[in-house]
Amino acid sequence: MLLRSPASPRFIVLLLLGSGLVLSCKPGQSLSNAKEPQKNEDDKSQDASEEKVDIPVNIAGSYLTCALRKEAKVEDLEAQYGCQLTDQGTKKKLDLTASAQRLSWSSNITDGVAITDQEASSIYHVLYNVSATSLETLQEKLKGLDVIASWKTDSGQVIPVKQDKVLNVLKPAIELEDFEAPIVREQTIQTDRPGSL
């Protein structure tokens, strides 16, 4: 047997009001009174122009590559990384001569990080010199260090186009044909020490 209890008049009124409110809403509309701001035509055209980003295909299709050039030691608490944008097809450094004025390099860490753009003839586009007060502090800093390549649009907006942890994109300096890197020179055969590498 089904038990029925008489519904209170207050409950029925609330139920009817709630149903009316839900039925008067359009799909996707919130039940709250908050409305999204209306955009006029000028705002819409401005948004459309801001969405256009004119990044060259070779930059957009490239990837970051870095190499440890100089390893930090207790007596010299500075490490150096060389980084470049690498062409996916040729696996070589991109020629950025035409777009050098619009490409900039940065990092998520500013304390103890010096960034130096390199000449077009260099193996790298940029060098990151990273220093700290101790090896432990330097190692922690390097774990979180991001290399960021940003593109300046026609409107002046700077947009990161490539970003990754330096430790995620490392290759040996020799693989990038950087035979002058201090870390490579330290590993060469020394004629006065037989058996050295």
Protein backbone atom coordinates (compact mmCIF):
# COMPACT_ATOMS: atom_id res chain seq x y z
CA MET A 1 0.00 0.00 0.00
CA LEU A 2 1.35 3.40 -0.99
CA LEU A 3 1.33 6.05 1.73
CA ARG A 4 0.45 9.56 0.76
CA SER A 5 1.02 12.56 2.89
CA PRO A 6 -0.58 15.84 2.07
CA ALA A 7 1.98 18.25 0.60
CA SER A 8 2.25 21.55 2.35
CA PRO A 9 1.07 24.60 0.42
CA ARG A 10 4.48 26.20 0.91
CA PHE A 11 6.19 23.24 -0.74
CA ILE A 12 3.82 23.35 -3.73
CA VAL A 13 4.42 27.09 -4.23
CA LEU A 14 8.20 26.62 -4.11
CA LEU A 15 7.98 23.70 -6.53
CA LEU A 16 5.93 25.74 -9.00
CA LEU A 17 8.27 28.75 -8.76
CA GLY A 18 11.34 26.57 -9.27
CA SER A 19 9.75 24.81 -12.25
CA GLY A 20 8.82 28.14 -13.81
CA LEU A 21 12.35 29.45 -13.36
CA VAL A 22 13.92 26.38 -14.95
CA LEU A 23 11.44 26.41 -17.85
CA SER A 24 12.10 30.08 -18.58
CA CYS A 25 15.85 29.50 -19.00
CA LYS A 26 17.35 29.05 -22.44
CA PRO A 27 19.83 26.21 -23.11
CA GLY A 28 23.28 27.14 -21.82
CA GLN A 29 21.90 29.97 -19.66
CA SER A 30 22.78 30.09 -16.00
CA LEU A 31 20.13 30.20 -13.30
CA SER A 32 21.88 33.12 -11.65
CA ASN A 33 21.22 36.72 -12.65
CA ALA A 34 24.82 37.29 -13.76
CA LYS A 35 25.07 38.15 -17.43
CA GLU A 36 28.13 38.01 -19.62
CA PRO A 37 29.17 41.41 -20.89
CA GLN A 38 27.96 42.19 -24.38
CA LYS A 39 30.72 42.89 -26.88
CA ASN A 40 30.26 45.48 -29.53
CA GLU A 41 31.51 45.04 -33.09
CA ASP A 42 34.76 46.95 -32.42
CA ASP A 43 35.63 44.61 -29.55
CA LYS A 44 34.89 41.55 -31.71
CA SER A 45 37.09 42.74 -34.55
CA GLN A 46 39.86 43.61 -32.08
CA ASP A 47 39.65 40.10 -30.58
CA ALA A 48 39.86 38.56 -34.05
CA SER A 49 42.96 40.56 -34.90
CA GLU A 50 44.58 39.63 -31.59
CA GLU A 51 43.94 35.97 -32.24
CA LYS A 52 45.92 36.09 -35.50
CA VAL A 53 49.49 35.12 -34.70
CA ASP A 54 52.00 35.37 -37.52
CA ILE A 55 54.62 32.86 -36.34
CA PRO A 56 56.68 31.54 -39.29
CA VAL A 57 56.11 27.89 -40.08
CA ASN A 58 59.77 26.97 -39.58
CA ILE A 59 59.69 28.35 -36.02
CA ALA A 60 56.30 26.86 -35.17
CA GLY A 61 57.46 23.46 -36.45
CA SER A 62 60.84 23.52 -34.72
CA TYR A 63 61.84 22.10 -31.37
CA LEU A 64 64.15 23.23 -28.58
CA THR A 65 67.56 21.63 -28.22
CA CYS A 66 70.11 22.49 -25.54
CA ALA A 67 73.55 21.23 -24.59
CA LEU A 68 75.56 21.52 -21.41
CA ARG A 69 78.63 23.53 -22.39
CA LYS A 70 80.18 24.08 -18.97
CA GLU A 71 79.50 22.07 -15.86
CA ALA A 72 79.50 23.78 -12.47
CA LYS A 73 82.08 22.73 -9.91
CA VAL A 74 82.64 23.54 -6.25
CA GLU A 75 85.34 26.05 -7.22
CA ASP A 76 83.26 27.52 -10.09
CA LEU A 77 79.53 27.66 -9.33
CA GLU A 78 78.36 28.49 -12.85
CA ALA A 79 76.93 26.18 -15.50
CA GLN A 80 76.42 27.15 -19.12
CA TYR A 81 73.83 25.79 -21.53
CA GLY A 82 73.66 26.55 -25.24
CA CYS A 83 70.18 26.36 -26.77
CA GLN A 84 68.80 26.51 -30.27
CA LEU A 85 65.62 26.01 -32.25
CA THR A 86 66.16 22.89 -34.34
CA ASP A 87 64.48 22.13 -37.67
CA GLN A 88 62.45 18.93 -37.43
CA GLY A 89 63.40 17.78 -40.91
CA THR A 90 67.11 18.54 -41.14
CA LYS A 91 67.83 18.32 -37.39
CA LYS A 92 69.99 21.46 -37.79
CA LYS A 93 69.85 24.88 -36.17
CA LEU A 94 67.22 27.13 -37.75
CA ASP A 95 68.43 30.16 -39.66
CA LEU A 96 66.70 33.00 -37.83
CA THR A 97 68.44 35.85 -39.63
CA ALA A 98 65.17 37.18 -41.09
CA SER A 99 63.27 36.97 -37.81
CA ALA A 100 65.94 37.70 -35.21
CA GLN A 101 64.32 41.04 -34.26
CA ARG A 102 61.04 39.34 -33.36
CA LEU A 103 62.33 36.31 -31.47
CA SER A 104 63.40 36.70 -27.85
CA TRP A 105 64.67 34.31 -25.21
CA SER A 106 63.84 34.22 -21.52
CA SER A 107 63.47 31.92 -18.55
CA ASN A 108 61.06 31.32 -15.73
CA ILE A 109 63.92 31.97 -13.28
CA THR A 110 65.63 35.35 -13.22
CA ASP A 111 67.84 35.13 -10.12
CA GLY A 112 71.28 33.90 -11.13
CA VAL A 113 70.37 33.35 -14.81
CA ALA A 114 72.10 35.43 -17.51
CA ILE A 115 70.82 35.04 -21.08
CA THR A 116 73.01 36.04 -24.02
CA ASP A 117 71.84 36.04 -27.64
CA GLN A 118 74.43 34.63 -30.03
CA GLU A 119 75.57 35.68 -33.49
CA ALA A 120 74.00 33.95 -36.48
CA SER A 121 77.25 32.07 -37.09
CA SER A 122 77.21 30.51 -33.61
CA ILE A 123 76.16 26.92 -32.98
CA TYR A 124 73.47 28.18 -30.62
CA HIS A 125 70.85 30.91 -30.73
CA VAL A 126 71.32 31.68 -27.04
CA LEU A 127 73.49 30.89 -24.02
CA TYR A 128 72.11 30.49 -20.50
CA ASN A 129 74.67 31.04 -17.72
CA VAL A 130 73.26 29.77 -14.45
CA SER A 131 74.93 30.46 -11.11
CA ALA A 132 74.17 29.90 -7.44
CA THR A 133 75.81 30.01 -4.02
CA SER A 134 76.24 26.22 -3.76
CA LEU A 135 76.16 23.15 -6.00
CA GLU A 136 73.00 21.93 -4.28
CA THR A 137 71.22 25.23 -4.89
CA LEU A 138 72.40 25.24 -8.50
CA GLN A 139 71.15 21.70 -9.08
CA GLU A 140 67.74 22.59 -7.66
CA LYS A 141 67.62 25.69 -9.85
CA LEU A 142 68.47 23.66 -12.95
CA LYS A 143 65.68 21.17 -12.24
CA GLY A 144 63.15 23.96 -12.58
CA LEU A 145 64.82 26.05 -15.30
CA ASP A 146 62.63 26.63 -18.37
CA VAL A 147 64.02 27.80 -21.69
CA ILE A 148 61.46 30.05 -23.38
CA ALA A 149 61.49 31.29 -26.98
CA SER A 150 58.92 34.03 -27.57
CA TRP A 151 57.62 35.68 -30.74
CA LYS A 152 56.66 39.35 -31.01
CA THR A 153 53.51 39.76 -33.11
CA ASP A 154 52.74 42.68 -35.42
CA SER A 155 50.64 44.21 -32.64
CA GLY A 156 53.60 44.07 -30.25
CA GLN A 157 52.29 41.20 -28.15
CA VAL A 158 54.97 38.72 -27.01
CA ILE A 159 53.83 35.10 -27.16
CA PRO A 160 55.84 32.09 -25.94
CA VAL A 161 56.17 29.71 -28.91
CA LYS A 162 58.54 27.15 -27.41
CA GLN A 163 59.04 26.35 -23.74
CA ASP A 164 60.53 23.36 -21.97
CA LYS A 165 62.71 22.43 -19.03
CA VAL A 166 66.37 22.65 -20.03
CA LEU A 167 66.94 19.17 -18.59
CA ASN A 168 64.21 17.75 -20.89
CA VAL A 169 65.84 18.94 -24.12
CA LEU A 170 69.52 18.19 -23.45
CA LYS A 171 71.82 16.62 -26.01
CA PRO A 172 75.59 16.15 -25.75
CA ALA A 173 77.51 19.20 -26.98
CA ILE A 174 79.42 16.99 -29.43
CA GLU A 175 76.15 15.94 -31.06
CA LEU A 176 75.55 19.61 -31.85
CA GLU A 177 79.12 19.85 -33.16
CA ASP A 178 80.18 22.15 -30.32
CA PHE A 179 83.79 20.99 -30.07
CA GLU A 180 84.80 24.24 -28.33
CA ALA A 181 82.54 23.72 -25.31
CA PRO A 182 84.57 23.63 -22.08
CA ILE A 183 82.98 20.31 -21.13
CA VAL A 184 84.16 18.79 -24.45
CA ARG A 185 87.67 20.19 -24.17
CA GLU A 186 87.96 18.73 -20.65
CA GLN A 187 87.21 15.28 -22.08
CA THR A 188 89.78 15.29 -24.89
CA ILE A 189 92.87 13.14 -24.90
CA GLN A 190 95.70 14.83 -23.05
CA THR A 191 99.07 13.89 -24.54
CA ASP A 192 100.90 14.37 -21.24
CA ARG A 193 98.51 11.89 -19.49
CA PRO A 194 98.46 8.50 -21.27
CA GLY A 195 95.05 6.83 -21.16
CA SER A 196 93.16 10.06 -20.58
CA LEU A 197 90.01 10.84 -22.44
